[in-house]
Amino acid sequence: MSSETSRTVVDLDLTDPVEKARAELKAALAAIEEKANVPKRVARATERGTAKARTFAQKNPALAVAAVVGVAAVVGAVVWGAVRLYTRPGR
């Protein structure tokens, strides 16, 4: 269990109701913080995506190069099309 997940879990062995309520409140606040912290979630998703891309590139270098070239061609075509539409005479 990760440290972030362990912060949102309540120890069920607590017998004192006050301590149990405190633990539940602490876990709820940690869960809210985890859910609301968008930059942290984006950073984690980026790290996961980067790790997957590196693994893919190590296993299939030719396909990785082809994917990069394909993405660059699509981005170039989209930018070219947008500029062409913007600069078209008769607007």
N, C-alpha and C. Protein backbone atom coordinates (compact mmCIF):
# COMPACT_ATOMS: atom_id res chain seq x y z
N MET A 1 0.85 -1.18 0.00
CA MET A 1 0.00 0.00 0.00
C MET A 1 0.89 1.23 0.00
N SER A 2 0.59 2.20 -0.85
CA SER A 2 1.41 3.39 -0.94
C SER A 2 1.20 4.28 0.28
N SER A 3 2.12 5.23 0.48
CA SER A 3 2.00 6.12 1.63
C SER A 3 0.79 7.02 1.51
N GLU A 4 0.42 7.38 0.26
CA GLU A 4 -0.76 8.23 0.07
C GLU A 4 -2.02 7.46 0.40
N THR A 5 -2.09 6.20 0.01
CA THR A 5 -3.26 5.40 0.30
C THR A 5 -3.35 5.10 1.79
N SER A 6 -2.22 4.86 2.43
CA SER A 6 -2.24 4.54 3.85
C SER A 6 -2.71 5.73 4.69
N ARG A 7 -2.55 6.93 4.18
CA ARG A 7 -3.04 8.10 4.91
C ARG A 7 -4.55 8.18 4.90
N THR A 8 -5.20 7.52 3.96
CA THR A 8 -6.65 7.61 3.82
C THR A 8 -7.37 6.39 4.37
N VAL A 9 -6.65 5.53 5.08
CA VAL A 9 -7.23 4.31 5.63
C VAL A 9 -7.32 4.46 7.14
N VAL A 10 -8.47 4.07 7.71
CA VAL A 10 -8.69 4.17 9.15
C VAL A 10 -8.38 2.82 9.78
N ASP A 11 -7.66 2.87 10.91
CA ASP A 11 -7.36 1.66 11.67
C ASP A 11 -8.65 1.18 12.34
N LEU A 12 -9.11 0.01 11.97
CA LEU A 12 -10.37 -0.51 12.50
C LEU A 12 -10.24 -1.07 13.90
N ASP A 13 -9.04 -1.19 14.43
CA ASP A 13 -8.83 -1.75 15.76
C ASP A 13 -8.98 -0.71 16.87
N LEU A 14 -9.26 0.53 16.52
CA LEU A 14 -9.41 1.57 17.54
C LEU A 14 -10.70 1.34 18.32
N THR A 15 -10.58 1.37 19.65
CA THR A 15 -11.76 1.15 20.49
C THR A 15 -12.29 2.46 21.06
N ASP A 16 -11.43 3.43 21.27
CA ASP A 16 -11.86 4.72 21.80
C ASP A 16 -12.61 5.48 20.71
N PRO A 17 -13.88 5.84 20.95
CA PRO A 17 -14.66 6.51 19.90
C PRO A 17 -14.08 7.86 19.49
N VAL A 18 -13.46 8.57 20.41
CA VAL A 18 -12.87 9.87 20.08
C VAL A 18 -11.67 9.67 19.16
N GLU A 19 -10.82 8.72 19.48
CA GLU A 19 -9.65 8.43 18.64
C GLU A 19 -10.09 7.93 17.26
N LYS A 20 -11.14 7.12 17.25
CA LYS A 20 -11.64 6.60 15.98
C LYS A 20 -12.19 7.75 15.13
N ALA A 21 -12.93 8.67 15.75
CA ALA A 21 -13.47 9.82 15.02
C ALA A 21 -12.34 10.70 14.49
N ARG A 22 -11.30 10.89 15.30
CA ARG A 22 -10.15 11.67 14.84
C ARG A 22 -9.47 11.00 13.65
N ALA A 23 -9.30 9.68 13.75
CA ALA A 23 -8.67 8.94 12.66
C ALA A 23 -9.51 9.02 11.39
N GLU A 24 -10.84 8.92 11.52
CA GLU A 24 -11.71 9.02 10.36
C GLU A 24 -11.65 10.42 9.74
N LEU A 25 -11.64 11.45 10.58
CA LEU A 25 -11.53 12.82 10.09
C LEU A 25 -10.21 13.05 9.37
N LYS A 26 -9.14 12.55 9.98
CA LYS A 26 -7.81 12.69 9.37
C LYS A 26 -7.77 11.97 8.02
N ALA A 27 -8.34 10.79 7.95
CA ALA A 27 -8.36 10.03 6.69
C ALA A 27 -9.21 10.74 5.64
N ALA A 28 -10.35 11.29 6.07
CA ALA A 28 -11.22 12.00 5.13
C ALA A 28 -10.52 13.24 4.58
N LEU A 29 -9.86 13.99 5.44
CA LEU A 29 -9.13 15.18 4.99
C LEU A 29 -7.99 14.82 4.06
N ALA A 30 -7.30 13.73 4.36
CA ALA A 30 -6.21 13.29 3.48
C ALA A 30 -6.76 12.88 2.12
N ALA A 31 -7.91 12.21 2.11
CA ALA A 31 -8.52 11.79 0.84
C ALA A 31 -8.96 13.01 0.02
N ILE A 32 -9.53 14.01 0.69
CA ILE A 32 -9.93 15.24 0.00
C ILE A 32 -8.72 15.95 -0.56
N GLU A 33 -7.67 16.04 0.23
CA GLU A 33 -6.44 16.69 -0.24
C GLU A 33 -5.87 15.96 -1.45
N GLU A 34 -5.86 14.65 -1.39
CA GLU A 34 -5.34 13.85 -2.50
C GLU A 34 -6.15 14.06 -3.77
N LYS A 35 -7.47 14.10 -3.62
CA LYS A 35 -8.36 14.26 -4.77
C LYS A 35 -8.27 15.67 -5.35
N ALA A 36 -8.10 16.67 -4.50
CA ALA A 36 -8.12 18.06 -4.95
C ALA A 36 -6.77 18.56 -5.45
N ASN A 37 -5.72 17.83 -5.18
CA ASN A 37 -4.38 18.28 -5.56
C ASN A 37 -4.10 17.91 -7.01
N VAL A 38 -4.64 18.71 -7.92
CA VAL A 38 -4.55 18.42 -9.35
C VAL A 38 -3.10 18.45 -9.85
N PRO A 39 -2.28 19.43 -9.49
CA PRO A 39 -0.90 19.41 -9.99
C PRO A 39 -0.14 18.14 -9.60
N LYS A 40 -0.38 17.65 -8.40
CA LYS A 40 0.28 16.43 -7.96
C LYS A 40 -0.20 15.23 -8.78
N ARG A 41 -1.51 15.18 -9.06
CA ARG A 41 -2.06 14.09 -9.85
C ARG A 41 -1.56 14.14 -11.28
N VAL A 42 -1.45 15.35 -11.84
CA VAL A 42 -0.93 15.50 -13.21
C VAL A 42 0.54 15.06 -13.25
N ALA A 43 1.30 15.44 -12.24
CA ALA A 43 2.72 15.05 -12.19
C ALA A 43 2.86 13.53 -12.15
N ARG A 44 2.03 12.88 -11.35
CA ARG A 44 2.09 11.41 -11.27
C ARG A 44 1.71 10.77 -12.60
N ALA A 45 0.66 11.30 -13.23
CA ALA A 45 0.24 10.75 -14.53
C ALA A 45 1.33 10.95 -15.57
N THR A 46 1.99 12.09 -15.53
CA THR A 46 3.08 12.36 -16.47
C THR A 46 4.23 11.40 -16.24
N GLU A 47 4.56 11.15 -14.97
CA GLU A 47 5.63 10.20 -14.66
C GLU A 47 5.28 8.80 -15.16
N ARG A 48 4.02 8.39 -14.96
CA ARG A 48 3.61 7.06 -15.44
C ARG A 48 3.69 6.99 -16.96
N GLY A 49 3.21 8.03 -17.65
CA GLY A 49 3.26 8.05 -19.11
C GLY A 49 4.68 8.03 -19.63
N THR A 50 5.55 8.79 -18.99
CA THR A 50 6.96 8.83 -19.39
C THR A 50 7.61 7.46 -19.21
N ALA A 51 7.31 6.82 -18.09
CA ALA A 51 7.87 5.48 -17.85
C ALA A 51 7.38 4.48 -18.89
N LYS A 52 6.08 4.56 -19.23
CA LYS A 52 5.54 3.66 -20.25
C LYS A 52 6.18 3.93 -21.61
N ALA A 53 6.38 5.20 -21.95
CA ALA A 53 7.00 5.55 -23.23
C ALA A 53 8.44 5.06 -23.29
N ARG A 54 9.17 5.20 -22.20
CA ARG A 54 10.56 4.73 -22.17
C ARG A 54 10.62 3.22 -22.34
N THR A 55 9.73 2.52 -21.64
CA THR A 55 9.70 1.05 -21.76
C THR A 55 9.37 0.64 -23.18
N PHE A 56 8.38 1.31 -23.77
CA PHE A 56 8.00 1.02 -25.15
C PHE A 56 9.17 1.28 -26.09
N ALA A 57 9.86 2.41 -25.90
CA ALA A 57 10.98 2.76 -26.77
C ALA A 57 12.14 1.77 -26.63
N GLN A 58 12.34 1.25 -25.42
CA GLN A 58 13.42 0.28 -25.23
C GLN A 58 13.08 -1.07 -25.87
N LYS A 59 11.80 -1.44 -25.81
CA LYS A 59 11.40 -2.72 -26.37
C LYS A 59 11.23 -2.66 -27.89
N ASN A 60 10.75 -1.53 -28.40
CA ASN A 60 10.46 -1.37 -29.83
C ASN A 60 11.00 -0.04 -30.34
N PRO A 61 12.31 0.08 -30.52
CA PRO A 61 12.86 1.38 -30.93
C PRO A 61 12.37 1.85 -32.30
N ALA A 62 12.20 0.94 -33.24
CA ALA A 62 11.74 1.34 -34.58
C ALA A 62 10.30 1.85 -34.53
N LEU A 63 9.44 1.17 -33.78
CA LEU A 63 8.07 1.63 -33.65
C LEU A 63 8.00 2.97 -32.90
N ALA A 64 8.89 3.16 -31.94
CA ALA A 64 8.91 4.42 -31.20
C ALA A 64 9.28 5.58 -32.13
N VAL A 65 10.27 5.36 -32.98
CA VAL A 65 10.66 6.39 -33.95
C VAL A 65 9.51 6.66 -34.91
N ALA A 66 8.85 5.61 -35.38
CA ALA A 66 7.72 5.78 -36.28
C ALA A 66 6.59 6.55 -35.60
N ALA A 67 6.35 6.27 -34.33
CA ALA A 67 5.30 6.98 -33.59
C ALA A 67 5.64 8.46 -33.44
N VAL A 68 6.89 8.77 -33.15
CA VAL A 68 7.32 10.17 -33.02
C VAL A 68 7.16 10.89 -34.35
N VAL A 69 7.58 10.26 -35.43
CA VAL A 69 7.46 10.87 -36.75
C VAL A 69 5.98 11.07 -37.10
N GLY A 70 5.15 10.10 -36.80
CA GLY A 70 3.71 10.20 -37.07
C GLY A 70 3.06 11.33 -36.29
N VAL A 71 3.39 11.43 -35.01
CA VAL A 71 2.83 12.50 -34.19
C VAL A 71 3.31 13.85 -34.70
N ALA A 72 4.58 13.96 -35.06
CA ALA A 72 5.11 15.22 -35.58
C ALA A 72 4.40 15.60 -36.88
N ALA A 73 4.13 14.63 -37.74
CA ALA A 73 3.44 14.91 -39.00
C ALA A 73 2.01 15.39 -38.75
N VAL A 74 1.32 14.76 -37.82
CA VAL A 74 -0.04 15.17 -37.50
C VAL A 74 -0.06 16.58 -36.91
N VAL A 75 0.83 16.85 -35.97
CA VAL A 75 0.89 18.19 -35.37
C VAL A 75 1.23 19.22 -36.44
N GLY A 76 2.17 18.92 -37.31
CA GLY A 76 2.52 19.83 -38.39
C GLY A 76 1.35 20.10 -39.31
N ALA A 77 0.60 19.05 -39.66
CA ALA A 77 -0.56 19.22 -40.54
C ALA A 77 -1.64 20.07 -39.88
N VAL A 78 -1.86 19.86 -38.59
CA VAL A 78 -2.86 20.65 -37.87
C VAL A 78 -2.45 22.12 -37.82
N VAL A 79 -1.19 22.38 -37.50
CA VAL A 79 -0.71 23.77 -37.46
C VAL A 79 -0.78 24.39 -38.85
N TRP A 80 -0.35 23.67 -39.86
CA TRP A 80 -0.40 24.19 -41.23
C TRP A 80 -1.84 24.53 -41.62
N GLY A 81 -2.77 23.61 -41.32
CA GLY A 81 -4.17 23.84 -41.64
C GLY A 81 -4.75 25.04 -40.90
N ALA A 82 -4.40 25.20 -39.63
CA ALA A 82 -4.90 26.34 -38.86
C ALA A 82 -4.36 27.64 -39.42
N VAL A 83 -3.07 27.69 -39.75
CA VAL A 83 -2.48 28.91 -40.32
C VAL A 83 -3.10 29.20 -41.68
N ARG A 84 -3.30 28.17 -42.46
CA ARG A 84 -3.89 28.36 -43.80
C ARG A 84 -5.31 28.93 -43.70
N LEU A 85 -6.09 28.40 -42.77
CA LEU A 85 -7.43 28.93 -42.56
C LEU A 85 -7.41 30.39 -42.09
N TYR A 86 -6.48 30.69 -41.21
CA TYR A 86 -6.40 32.04 -40.66
C TYR A 86 -5.95 33.06 -41.71
N THR A 87 -5.03 32.66 -42.58
CA THR A 87 -4.48 33.59 -43.56
C THR A 87 -5.20 33.55 -44.89
N ARG A 88 -6.25 32.77 -45.01
CA ARG A 88 -6.98 32.65 -46.27
C ARG A 88 -7.59 34.00 -46.67
N PRO A 89 -7.43 34.39 -47.92
CA PRO A 89 -8.01 35.66 -48.37
C PRO A 89 -9.54 35.59 -48.37
N GLY A 90 -10.17 36.74 -48.20
CA GLY A 90 -11.63 36.82 -48.24
C GLY A 90 -12.27 36.55 -46.89
N ARG A 91 -11.54 36.64 -45.85
CA ARG A 91 -12.10 36.42 -44.51
C ARG A 91 -12.96 37.56 -44.10
